[in-house]
C-alpha atoms as a PDB file:
ATOM      1  CA  UNK A   1      -0.176  -0.215  -0.125  1.00  0.00           C
ATOM      2  CA  UNK A   2       0.901   3.290  -0.927  1.00  0.00           C
ATOM      3  CA  UNK A   3       1.031   5.960   2.008  1.00  0.00           C
ATOM      4  CA  UNK A   4      -0.278   9.592   1.059  1.00  0.00           C
ATOM      5  CA  UNK A   5       3.275  10.882   2.857  1.00  0.00           C
ATOM      6  CA  UNK A   6       5.981   9.297   0.516  1.00  0.00           C
ATOM      7  CA  UNK A   7       4.057  11.846  -2.215  1.00  0.00           C
ATOM      8  CA  UNK A   8       3.191  14.658  -0.720  1.00  0.00           C
ATOM      9  CA  UNK A   9       6.874  16.466  -1.390  1.00  0.00           C
ATOM     10  CA  UNK A  10       6.047  16.215  -4.555  1.00  0.00           C
ATOM     11  CA  UNK A  11       2.140  17.757  -5.000  1.00  0.00           C
ATOM     12  CA  UNK A  12       2.584  21.048  -5.039  1.00  0.00           C
ATOM     13  CA  UNK A  13       5.302  20.585  -8.040  1.00  0.00           C
ATOM     14  CA  UNK A  14       2.651  18.158  -9.835  1.00  0.00           C
ATOM     15  CA  UNK A  15      -0.149  20.763  -9.599  1.00  0.00           C
ATOM     16  CA  UNK A  16       1.422  23.683 -10.484  1.00  0.00           C
ATOM     17  CA  UNK A  17       2.538  22.261 -13.854  1.00  0.00           C
ATOM     18  CA  UNK A  18      -0.919  20.372 -14.533  1.00  0.00           C
ATOM     19  CA  UNK A  19      -2.146  23.555 -14.088  1.00  0.00           C
ATOM     20  CA  UNK A  20       0.120  25.652 -16.149  1.00  0.00           C
ATOM     21  CA  UNK A  21       1.042  23.023 -18.580  1.00  0.00           C
ATOM     22  CA  UNK A  22       4.525  23.821 -18.809  1.00  0.00           C
ATOM     23  CA  UNK A  23       7.398  23.031 -16.295  1.00  0.00           C
ATOM     24  CA  UNK A  24       9.107  26.611 -16.921  1.00  0.00           C
ATOM     25  CA  UNK A  25       5.833  28.168 -16.038  1.00  0.00           C
ATOM     26  CA  UNK A  26       5.413  25.948 -13.278  1.00  0.00           C
ATOM     27  CA  UNK A  27       9.342  26.790 -12.046  1.00  0.00           C
ATOM     28  CA  UNK A  28       8.391  30.164 -12.398  1.00  0.00           C
ATOM     29  CA  UNK A  29       5.322  30.478  -9.798  1.00  0.00           C
ATOM     30  CA  UNK A  30       7.285  28.455  -7.121  1.00  0.00           C
ATOM     31  CA  UNK A  31      10.733  30.384  -7.296  1.00  0.00           C
ATOM     32  CA  UNK A  32      12.341  27.312  -8.183  1.00  0.00           C
ATOM     33  CA  UNK A  33      14.395  26.141 -11.225  1.00  0.00           C
ATOM     34  CA  UNK A  34      12.653  24.330 -14.138  1.00  0.00           C
ATOM     35  CA  UNK A  35      15.195  21.261 -13.575  1.00  0.00           C
ATOM     36  CA  UNK A  36      13.796  21.203  -9.628  1.00  0.00           C
ATOM     37  CA  UNK A  37      10.220  21.042 -11.071  1.00  0.00           C
ATOM     38  CA  UNK A  38      11.138  18.444 -13.543  1.00  0.00           C
ATOM     39  CA  UNK A  39      13.264  16.645 -10.504  1.00  0.00           C
ATOM     40  CA  UNK A  40      10.109  16.342  -8.741  1.00  0.00           C
ATOM     41  CA  UNK A  41       7.354  15.074 -11.443  1.00  0.00           C
ATOM     42  CA  UNK A  42       9.497  12.207 -11.977  1.00  0.00           C
ATOM     43  CA  UNK A  43      10.370  11.481  -8.111  1.00  0.00           C
ATOM     44  CA  UNK A  44       6.208  11.854  -8.272  1.00  0.00           C
ATOM     45  CA  UNK A  45       6.092   9.186 -11.385  1.00  0.00           C
ATOM     46  CA  UNK A  46       8.713   7.093  -9.551  1.00  0.00           C
ATOM     47  CA  UNK A  47       6.827   6.695  -6.415  1.00  0.00           C
ATOM     48  CA  UNK A  48       3.552   6.546  -7.871  1.00  0.00           C
ATOM     49  CA  UNK A  49       4.715   3.414 -10.651  1.00  0.00           C
ATOM     50  CA  UNK A  50       2.923   5.642 -13.282  1.00  0.00           C
ATOM     51  CA  UNK A  51       3.380   7.900 -15.988  1.00  0.00           C
ATOM     52  CA  UNK A  52       0.891  11.189 -15.227  1.00  0.00           C
ATOM     53  CA  UNK A  53       2.043  13.652 -18.207  1.00  0.00           C
ATOM     54  CA  UNK A  54       2.879  12.331 -21.487  1.00  0.00           C
ATOM     55  CA  UNK A  55       5.679  15.387 -23.071  1.00  0.00           C
ATOM     56  CA  UNK A  56       4.149  16.683 -26.001  1.00  0.00           C
ATOM     57  CA  UNK A  57       7.212  19.661 -27.879  1.00  0.00           C
ATOM     58  CA  UNK A  58       6.927  21.534 -24.941  1.00  0.00           C
ATOM     59  CA  UNK A  59       3.637  21.569 -22.953  1.00  0.00           C
ATOM     60  CA  UNK A  60       2.717  18.989 -20.231  1.00  0.00           C
ATOM     61  CA  UNK A  61      -0.531  17.157 -21.068  1.00  0.00           C
ATOM     62  CA  UNK A  62      -1.965  14.829 -18.368  1.00  0.00           C
ATOM     63  CA  UNK A  63      -2.499  11.205 -18.617  1.00  0.00           C
ATOM     64  CA  UNK A  64      -5.578   9.453 -17.747  1.00  0.00           C
ATOM     65  CA  UNK A  65      -3.888   8.933 -14.618  1.00  0.00           C
ATOM     66  CA  UNK A  66      -2.747  12.396 -14.043  1.00  0.00           C
ATOM     67  CA  UNK A  67      -6.212  13.665 -14.918  1.00  0.00           C
ATOM     68  CA  UNK A  68      -7.557  11.538 -12.321  1.00  0.00           C
ATOM     69  CA  UNK A  69      -4.765  12.529  -9.783  1.00  0.00           C
ATOM     70  CA  UNK A  70      -5.466  16.230 -10.578  1.00  0.00           C
ATOM     71  CA  UNK A  71      -8.903  16.443 -10.353  1.00  0.00           C
ATOM     72  CA  UNK A  72      -8.399  14.784  -6.407  1.00  0.00           C
ATOM     73  CA  UNK A  73      -5.531  17.356  -5.610  1.00  0.00           C
ATOM     74  CA  UNK A  74      -7.072  20.188  -7.200  1.00  0.00           C
ATOM     75  CA  UNK A  75     -10.400  19.512  -4.740  1.00  0.00           C
ATOM     76  CA  UNK A  76      -8.457  19.449  -1.655  1.00  0.00           C
ATOM     77  CA  UNK A  77      -6.537  22.799  -2.778  1.00  0.00           C
ATOM     78  CA  UNK A  78      -9.709  24.891  -3.109  1.00  0.00           C
ATOM     79  CA  UNK A  79     -10.780  23.625   0.037  1.00  0.00           C
ATOM     80  CA  UNK A  80      -7.426  24.381   1.572  1.00  0.00           C
ATOM     81  CA  UNK A  81      -7.991  27.706  -0.207  1.00  0.00           C
ATOM     82  CA  UNK A  82     -11.339  28.057   1.248  1.00  0.00           C
ATOM     83  CA  UNK A  83     -11.020  27.079   4.561  1.00  0.00           C
ATOM     84  CA  UNK A  84      -7.732  29.594   5.327  1.00  0.00           C
ATOM     85  CA  UNK A  85      -9.677  32.690   3.615  1.00  0.00           C
ATOM     86  CA  UNK A  86     -12.070  31.718   6.678  1.00  0.00           C
ATOM     87  CA  UNK A  87      -9.602  31.917   8.844  1.00  0.00           C
ATOM     88  CA  UNK A  88      -8.227  34.884   7.674  1.00  0.00           C
ATOM     89  CA  UNK A  89     -11.434  36.513   7.177  1.00  0.00           C
ATOM     90  CA  UNK A  90     -11.859  35.795  11.455  1.00  0.00           C
ATOM     91  CA  UNK A  91      -9.011  36.973  12.454  1.00  0.00           C
ATOM     92  CA  UNK A  92      -9.901  40.067  10.641  1.00  0.00           C
ATOM     93  CA  UNK A  93     -13.231  40.219  12.302  1.00  0.00           C
ATOM     94  CA  UNK A  94     -14.780  40.686   9.035  1.00  0.00           C
ATOM     95  CA  UNK A  95     -15.500  38.914   5.530  1.00  0.00           C
ATOM     96  CA  UNK A  96     -13.247  41.115   3.394  1.00  0.00           C
ATOM     97  CA  UNK A  97     -14.499  40.529  -0.781  1.00  0.00           C
ATOM     98  CA  UNK A  98     -11.677  41.298  -3.240  1.00  0.00           C
ATOM     99  CA  UNK A  99     -10.820  41.095  -7.033  1.00  0.00           C
ATOM    100  CA  UNK A 100      -7.246  40.598  -7.248  1.00  0.00           C
ATOM    101  CA  UNK A 101      -5.726  41.273 -10.912  1.00  0.00           C
ATOM    102  CA  UNK A 102      -2.489  40.314 -12.752  1.00  0.00           C
ATOM    103  CA  UNK A 103      -0.897  42.998 -15.665  1.00  0.00           C
ATOM    104  CA  UNK A 104       1.739  44.365 -16.836  1.00  0.00           C
ATOM    105  CA  UNK A 105       3.464  47.173 -14.738  1.00  0.00           C
ATOM    106  CA  UNK A 106       2.757  50.118 -17.222  1.00  0.00           C
ATOM    107  CA  UNK A 107      -0.720  49.272 -17.620  1.00  0.00           C
ATOM    108  CA  UNK A 108      -0.707  48.056 -13.989  1.00  0.00           C
ATOM    109  CA  UNK A 109       0.431  52.086 -12.870  1.00  0.00           C
ATOM    110  CA  UNK A 110      -0.879  54.037 -15.710  1.00  0.00           C
ATOM    111  CA  UNK A 111      -4.400  52.414 -17.239  1.00  0.00           C
ATOM    112  CA  UNK A 112      -5.305  49.967 -14.142  1.00  0.00           C
ATOM    113  CA  UNK A 113      -4.301  51.621 -11.054  1.00  0.00           C
ATOM    114  CA  UNK A 114      -6.880  54.693 -11.477  1.00  0.00           C
ATOM    115  CA  UNK A 115      -9.500  52.410 -12.361  1.00  0.00           C
ATOM    116  CA  UNK A 116      -9.437  49.254  -9.107  1.00  0.00           C
ATOM    117  CA  UNK A 117     -11.887  51.240  -7.314  1.00  0.00           C
ATOM    118  CA  UNK A 118     -15.042  51.910  -9.897  1.00  0.00           C
ATOM    119  CA  UNK A 119     -13.963  48.659 -10.830  1.00  0.00           C
ATOM    120  CA  UNK A 120     -15.026  47.052  -7.113  1.00  0.00           C
ATOM    121  CA  UNK A 121     -17.651  49.641  -6.662  1.00  0.00           C
ATOM    122  CA  UNK A 122     -19.166  47.713  -9.682  1.00  0.00           C
ATOM    123  CA  UNK A 123     -18.414  44.117  -8.536  1.00  0.00           C
ATOM    124  CA  UNK A 124     -19.616  44.606  -5.212  1.00  0.00           C
ATOM    125  CA  UNK A 125     -16.376  44.181  -3.409  1.00  0.00           C
ATOM    126  CA  UNK A 126     -14.254  45.682  -0.799  1.00  0.00           C
ATOM    127  CA  UNK A 127     -10.959  45.302  -2.968  1.00  0.00           C
ATOM    128  CA  UNK A 128      -9.711  45.505  -5.774  1.00  0.00           C
ATOM    129  CA  UNK A 129      -5.571  44.788  -6.367  1.00  0.00           C
ATOM    130  CA  UNK A 130      -3.195  44.240  -9.065  1.00  0.00           C
ATOM    131  CA  UNK A 131       0.013  41.995  -9.231  1.00  0.00           C
ATOM    132  CA  UNK A 132       2.912  42.305 -11.550  1.00  0.00           C
ATOM    133  CA  UNK A 133       3.022  40.004 -14.510  1.00  0.00           C
ATOM    134  CA  UNK A 134       4.032  40.717 -18.520  1.00  0.00           C
ATOM    135  CA  UNK A 135       3.917  37.025 -19.975  1.00  0.00           C
ATOM    136  CA  UNK A 136       1.433  34.120 -19.223  1.00  0.00           C
ATOM    137  CA  UNK A 137       4.042  32.583 -17.271  1.00  0.00           C
ATOM    138  CA  UNK A 138       4.932  34.999 -14.944  1.00  0.00           C
ATOM    139  CA  UNK A 139       0.938  35.058 -13.240  1.00  0.00           C
ATOM    140  CA  UNK A 140       0.702  33.273 -10.448  1.00  0.00           C
ATOM    141  CA  UNK A 141      -2.992  31.827 -10.531  1.00  0.00           C
ATOM    142  CA  UNK A 142      -2.669  30.976  -6.904  1.00  0.00           C
ATOM    143  CA  UNK A 143      -2.500  35.033  -5.843  1.00  0.00           C
ATOM    144  CA  UNK A 144      -5.092  36.549  -8.911  1.00  0.00           C
ATOM    145  CA  UNK A 145      -8.395  35.800 -10.130  1.00  0.00           C
ATOM    146  CA  UNK A 146      -7.682  37.599 -13.418  1.00  0.00           C
ATOM    147  CA  UNK A 147      -4.800  38.655 -15.578  1.00  0.00           C
ATOM    148  CA  UNK A 148      -4.310  40.958 -18.460  1.00  0.00           C
ATOM    149  CA  UNK A 149      -1.114  39.981 -20.320  1.00  0.00           C
ATOM    150  CA  UNK A 150       1.195  40.889 -23.601  1.00  0.00           C
ATOM    151  CA  UNK A 151       1.025  37.617 -24.697  1.00  0.00           C
ATOM    152  CA  UNK A 152       0.522  35.430 -27.548  1.00  0.00           C
ATOM    153  CA  UNK A 153      -2.136  32.391 -26.837  1.00  0.00           C
ATOM    154  CA  UNK A 154      -3.247  29.710 -26.865  1.00  0.00           C
ATOM    155  CA  UNK A 155      -2.749  28.618 -23.266  1.00  0.00           C
ATOM    156  CA  UNK A 156      -4.316  25.373 -21.709  1.00  0.00           C
ATOM    157  CA  UNK A 157      -6.504  25.443 -19.194  1.00  0.00           C
ATOM    158  CA  UNK A 158      -7.645  29.546 -19.522  1.00  0.00           C
ATOM    159  CA  UNK A 159     -10.100  31.586 -21.329  1.00  0.00           C
ATOM    160  CA  UNK A 160      -9.200  34.633 -23.067  1.00  0.00           C
ATOM    161  CA  UNK A 161     -10.016  37.326 -25.124  1.00  0.00           C
ATOM    162  CA  UNK A 162      -8.341  40.106 -27.095  1.00  0.00           C
ATOM    163  CA  UNK A 163      -7.919  43.891 -26.481  1.00  0.00           C
ATOM    164  CA  UNK A 164      -7.472  45.890 -28.830  1.00  0.00           C
ATOM    165  CA  UNK A 165      -4.697  46.193 -31.377  1.00  0.00           C
ATOM    166  CA  UNK A 166      -1.630  48.364 -30.523  1.00  0.00           C
ATOM    167  CA  UNK A 167       0.108  49.824 -33.153  1.00  0.00           C
ATOM    168  CA  UNK A 168       3.937  51.581 -32.836  1.00  0.00           C
ATOM    169  CA  UNK A 169       4.831  54.400 -34.885  1.00  0.00           C
ATOM    170  CA  UNK A 170       8.211  56.763 -34.267  1.00  0.00           C
ATOM    171  CA  UNK A 171       7.501  59.888 -31.828  1.00  0.00           C
ATOM    172  CA  UNK A 172       9.889  62.116 -30.446  1.00  0.00           C
ATOM    173  CA  UNK A 173      10.071  65.845 -28.693  1.00  0.00           C
ATOM    174  CA  UNK A 174       9.578  68.733 -31.032  1.00  0.00           C
ATOM    175  CA  UNK A 175      13.084  70.455 -30.407  1.00  0.00           C
ATOM    176  CA  UNK A 176      14.339  67.329 -31.395  1.00  0.00           C
ATOM    177  CA  UNK A 177      13.230  67.389 -34.796  1.00  0.00           C
ATOM    178  CA  UNK A 178      14.345  71.396 -35.087  1.00  0.00           C
ATOM    179  CA  UNK A 179      17.573  70.558 -34.717  1.00  0.00           C
ATOM    180  CA  UNK A 180      17.956  67.691 -36.960  1.00  0.00           C
ATOM    181  CA  UNK A 181      14.754  67.584 -38.983  1.00  0.00           C
ATOM    182  CA  UNK A 182      12.952  64.358 -40.554  1.00  0.00           C
ATOM    183  CA  UNK A 183      11.440  64.898 -43.961  1.00  0.00           C
ATOM    184  CA  UNK A 184      12.413  61.582 -45.002  1.00  0.00           C
ATOM    185  CA  UNK A 185      13.156  58.035 -43.896  1.00  0.00           C
ATOM    186  CA  UNK A 186      16.538  58.525 -44.448  1.00  0.00           C
ATOM    187  CA  UNK A 187      16.663  61.164 -42.296  1.00  0.00           C
ATOM    188  CA  UNK A 188      16.790  59.063 -39.335  1.00  0.00           C
ATOM    189  CA  UNK A 189      20.383  57.977 -39.734  1.00  0.00           C
ATOM    190  CA  UNK A 190      20.798  61.455 -37.908  1.00  0.00           C
ATOM    191  CA  UNK A 191      19.511  60.682 -34.300  1.00  0.00           C
ATOM    192  CA  UNK A 192      19.190  57.695 -31.632  1.00  0.00           C
ATOM    193  CA  UNK A 193      16.244  54.566 -31.799  1.00  0.00           C
ATOM    194  CA  UNK A 194      15.405  54.228 -28.153  1.00  0.00           C
ATOM    195  CA  UNK A 195      15.029  50.314 -28.024  1.00  0.00           C
ATOM    196  CA  UNK A 196      12.709  48.760 -25.577  1.00  0.00           C
ATOM    197  CA  UNK A 197      13.935  45.171 -26.207  1.00  0.00           C
ATOM    198  CA  UNK A 198      16.800  43.706 -29.131  1.00  0.00           C
ATOM    199  CA  UNK A 199      15.920  45.773 -32.199  1.00  0.00           C
ATOM    200  CA  UNK A 200      13.284  43.922 -33.551  1.00  0.00           C
ATOM    201  CA  UNK A 201      10.296  45.948 -33.955  1.00  0.00           C
ATOM    202  CA  UNK A 202      12.211  48.960 -34.783  1.00  0.00           C
ATOM    203  CA  UNK A 203      13.262  46.748 -37.784  1.00  0.00           C
ATOM    204  CA  UNK A 204      10.456  45.713 -38.568  1.00  0.00           C
ATOM    205  CA  UNK A 205       9.393  49.549 -38.471  1.00  0.00           C
ATOM    206  CA  UNK A 206      11.869  49.512 -40.997  1.00  0.00           C
ATOM    207  CA  UNK A 207      11.551  47.162 -42.873  1.00  0.00           C
ATOM    208  CA  UNK A 208       8.238  48.882 -43.523  1.00  0.00           C
ATOM    209  CA  UNK A 209       9.798  52.004 -44.570  1.00  0.00           C
ATOM    210  CA  UNK A 210      12.531  49.824 -47.073  1.00  0.00           C
ATOM    211  CA  UNK A 211      15.149  51.567 -45.356  1.00  0.00           C
ATOM    212  CA  UNK A 212      18.099  49.890 -46.020  1.00  0.00           C
ATOM    213  CA  UNK A 213      20.523  51.215 -43.355  1.00  0.00           C
ATOM    214  CA  UNK A 214      20.266  51.363 -39.649  1.00  0.00           C
ATOM    215  CA  UNK A 215      20.841  54.043 -37.638  1.00  0.00           C
ATOM    216  CA  UNK A 216      24.131  53.379 -36.228  1.00  0.00           C
ATOM    217  CA  UNK A 217      23.150  55.264 -32.639  1.00  0.00           C
ATOM    218  CA  UNK A 218      20.823  53.225 -30.797  1.00  0.00           C
ATOM    219  CA  UNK A 219      19.851  52.912 -26.926  1.00  0.00           C
ATOM    220  CA  UNK A 220      18.553  49.737 -25.590  1.00  0.00           C
ATOM    221  CA  UNK A 221      16.312  49.287 -22.534  1.00  0.00           C
ATOM    222  CA  UNK A 222      14.804  46.717 -20.742  1.00  0.00           C
ATOM    223  CA  UNK A 223      11.347  48.625 -20.600  1.00  0.00           C
ATOM    224  CA  UNK A 224       9.221  50.421 -22.824  1.00  0.00           C
ATOM    225  CA  UNK A 225       8.909  53.073 -20.322  1.00  0.00           C
ATOM    226  CA  UNK A 226      12.099  53.753 -20.233  1.00  0.00           C
ATOM    227  CA  UNK A 227      12.469  54.478 -23.657  1.00  0.00           C
ATOM    228  CA  UNK A 228       9.686  56.199 -24.019  1.00  0.00           C
ATOM    229  CA  UNK A 229      10.995  58.854 -21.053  1.00  0.00           C
ATOM    230  CA  UNK A 230      14.495  58.956 -22.704  1.00  0.00           C
ATOM    231  CA  UNK A 231      11.949  60.117 -26.330  1.00  0.00           C
ATOM    232  CA  UNK A 232       9.981  62.508 -23.652  1.00  0.00           C
ATOM    233  CA  UNK A 233      13.532  63.809 -23.181  1.00  0.00           C
ATOM    234  CA  UNK A 234      14.459  64.560 -26.284  1.00  0.00           C
ATOM    235  CA  UNK A 235      16.915  62.078 -26.502  1.00  0.00           C
ATOM    236  CA  UNK A 236      16.197  59.615 -29.132  1.00  0.00           C
ATOM    237  CA  UNK A 237      13.585  58.410 -31.525  1.00  0.00           C
ATOM    238  CA  UNK A 238      11.364  55.259 -29.816  1.00  0.00           C
ATOM    239  CA  UNK A 239       8.811  52.697 -31.124  1.00  0.00           C
ATOM    240  CA  UNK A 240       5.189  53.840 -29.786  1.00  0.00           C
ATOM    241  CA  UNK A 241       2.037  52.870 -29.437  1.00  0.00           C
ATOM    242  CA  UNK A 242      -1.058  55.041 -30.089  1.00  0.00           C
ATOM    243  CA  UNK A 243      -2.358  54.536 -27.158  1.00  0.00           C
ATOM    244  CA  UNK A 244      -0.083  55.363 -24.686  1.00  0.00           C
ATOM    245  CA  UNK A 245       0.913  57.838 -27.340  1.00  0.00           C
ATOM    246  CA  UNK A 246      -2.558  59.821 -27.381  1.00  0.00           C
ATOM    247  CA  UNK A 247      -2.263  62.750 -24.513  1.00  0.00           C
ATOM    248  CA  UNK A 248       1.400  63.579 -24.792  1.00  0.00           C
ATOM    249  CA  UNK A 249       0.557  64.375 -28.875  1.00  0.00           C
ATOM    250  CA  UNK A 250      -2.655  66.137 -28.110  1.00  0.00           C
ATOM    251  CA  UNK A 251      -0.059  68.360 -25.251  1.00  0.00           C
ATOM    252  CA  UNK A 252       2.015  68.494 -28.327  1.00  0.00           C
ATOM    253  CA  UNK A 253       5.319  67.064 -25.787  1.00  0.00           C
ATOM    254  CA  UNK A 254       5.468  64.597 -29.009  1.00  0.00           C
ATOM    255  CA  UNK A 255       5.227  64.736 -32.328  1.00  0.00           C
ATOM    256  CA  UNK A 256       4.634  61.860 -34.942  1.00  0.00           C
ATOM    257  CA  UNK A 257       7.154  62.549 -37.904  1.00  0.00           C
ATOM    258  CA  UNK A 258       5.901  59.741 -40.168  1.00  0.00           C
ATOM    259  CA  UNK A 259       2.684  58.127 -40.207  1.00  0.00           C
ATOM    260  CA  UNK A 260       3.914  55.050 -41.075  1.00  0.00           C
ATOM    261  CA  UNK A 261       2.950  52.616 -38.077  1.00  0.00           C
ATOM    262  CA  UNK A 262       3.183  48.769 -37.591  1.00  0.00           C
ATOM    263  CA  UNK A 263       1.360  46.153 -35.287  1.00  0.00           C
ATOM    264  CA  UNK A 264       3.355  45.490 -32.508  1.00  0.00           C
ATOM    265  CA  UNK A 265       4.143  41.895 -32.573  1.00  0.00           C
ATOM    266  CA  UNK A 266       2.027  41.293 -29.507  1.00  0.00           C
ATOM    267  CA  UNK A 267      -1.256  42.083 -28.036  1.00  0.00           C
ATOM    268  CA  UNK A 268      -2.890  42.182 -24.255  1.00  0.00           C
ATOM    269  CA  UNK A 269      -5.868  39.781 -23.565  1.00  0.00           C
ATOM    270  CA  UNK A 270      -7.786  39.506 -20.583  1.00  0.00           C
ATOM    271  CA  UNK A 271      -7.459  35.804 -18.964  1.00  0.00           C
ATOM    272  CA  UNK A 272      -9.250  33.650 -16.574  1.00  0.00           C
ATOM    273  CA  UNK A 273      -8.639  29.999 -15.405  1.00  0.00           C
ATOM    274  CA  UNK A 274     -11.293  28.183 -17.782  1.00  0.00           C
ATOM    275  CA  UNK A 275     -12.796  26.629 -14.683  1.00  0.00           C
ATOM    276  CA  UNK A 276     -12.934  29.360 -12.689  1.00  0.00           C
ATOM    277  CA  UNK A 277     -15.108  31.105 -15.388  1.00  0.00           C
ATOM    278  CA  UNK A 278     -18.164  29.227 -13.932  1.00  0.00           C
ATOM    279  CA  UNK A 279     -17.867  31.369 -10.805  1.00  0.00           C
ATOM    280  CA  UNK A 280     -20.777  34.255 -11.836  1.00  0.00           C
ATOM    281  CA  UNK A 281     -18.363  36.722 -10.427  1.00  0.00           C
ATOM    282  CA  UNK A 282     -15.119  36.216 -12.144  1.00  0.00           C
ATOM    283  CA  UNK A 283     -17.504  35.698 -15.313  1.00  0.00           C
ATOM    284  CA  UNK A 284     -18.716  39.495 -14.141  1.00  0.00           C
ATOM    285  CA  UNK A 285     -15.200  40.583 -13.634  1.00  0.00           C
ATOM    286  CA  UNK A 286     -14.042  39.184 -16.942  1.00  0.00           C
ATOM    287  CA  UNK A 287     -16.467  41.098 -19.011  1.00  0.00           C
ATOM    288  CA  UNK A 288     -16.294  44.706 -16.985  1.00  0.00           C
ATOM    289  CA  UNK A 289     -12.228  44.407 -17.090  1.00  0.00           C
ATOM    290  CA  UNK A 290     -12.468  43.595 -21.232  1.00  0.00           C
ATOM    291  CA  UNK A 291     -15.403  46.400 -21.551  1.00  0.00           C
ATOM    292  CA  UNK A 292     -13.407  48.618 -20.301  1.00  0.00           C
ATOM    293  CA  UNK A 293     -10.042  47.781 -22.518  1.00  0.00           C
ATOM    294  CA  UNK A 294     -12.399  47.414 -25.300  1.00  0.00           C
ATOM    295  CA  UNK A 295     -14.212  51.171 -24.488  1.00  0.00           C
ATOM    296  CA  UNK A 296     -10.973  53.570 -23.320  1.00  0.00           C
ATOM    297  CA  UNK A 297      -7.381  54.001 -24.624  1.00  0.00           C
ATOM    298  CA  UNK A 298      -4.878  51.100 -22.822  1.00  0.00           C
ATOM    299  CA  UNK A 299      -0.936  51.948 -23.217  1.00  0.00           C
ATOM    300  CA  UNK A 300       1.205  50.129 -24.453  1.00  0.00           C
ATOM    301  CA  UNK A 301       3.200  47.256 -22.692  1.00  0.00           C
ATOM    302  CA  UNK A 302       5.798  48.706 -20.254  1.00  0.00           C
END
């Protein structure tokens, strides 16, 4: 007879991989290395004497035995979370309903944060809070109810819907153009390009502009907000989405020297776990955030 204590050390890794579908995603959520997650899954399978996952490319698919185990483990985890929540609420002296949303930092700070109290009021909850996650692999579904991610689907076990497409175009200050005019695409050789990636987006824009050479002066940042602020300070041109640029163009702080724009390589998606969409509260929150995103300008990823 197999005693439960022999598999308990490996259950957390199993549940996380089963829920997210990827070892790397599970590792990110549990703050472990992918090799540590793989080892724990391997030890679980050795202890059970059966495979719980089949590996298809990079995705982990549950076997029939794994499906049965996951149903039981997920049920136990939900019961445990409910019990812990009740204890915390009793300790606080009052029941507290929360909506927890994960979103990229730029979107959270500029677009989501001012709307959190309104979202809470419409849903009739006490608190709406935001967690930082840019891509699906960074979303900790133990801590959030919904996510807005800057990524590309599909995602196993999830429901998602796209927000409006982002289009990117070069922006700079009026003073920069006054010093070094931008009458033609080729005039970019006299300017510095500001990047939030390895240069891929500017290369795509340059290809659309049919530029044969890329300017030699470049600056690379790890966030679009940094490239954007550098452009706002007059240090070069950044590729910025129409959503983020809107108020700065209206105020005259920035100008768009060329009309040419390209679609961003990714989009924003509102995402929820498929099994949680059966909860009317989660389904309503999903629709509310989606409607806000489609009716009002979003910022580009930062």
